[in-house]
């Protein structure tokens, strides 16, 4: 659902950045569109990916609801997609995240996700 409107986006992204800092995970970039976000970060070697994302999603949902930033109760979807990125592709991924809004004017998240699953022969689910 498109809950992250342009009027709350900066507040939400700033909160999430602070959470990554608190977890000692270096956030390189965060961006998105109203129905999803992308984050490029360096995972703290003392934490699991699941632990970090549980904290980011849980604390940001709580904060968004506590501050009445959406008209109805906010929650992130169950699950997440996470991919490791080789050093040689970091600039390309950074650029992709930076240009999310323009990118999704051409292709929806669902279209992009389905193409990615097909291209890499992954199971959806």
Foldseek 3Di string as FASTA:
>chain_A
DQFCDPVCVVVLVVVLCVLCVVQVKAWPDKAAGRQDIDTDIHHDPVDDPVVSVVSSQVVSQVVCVVVVVGVDRDHRDPDDDDDDDDPVCPVVVRVCRVCHVVVCVPPPPVRVVVVVCVVVVHDDD
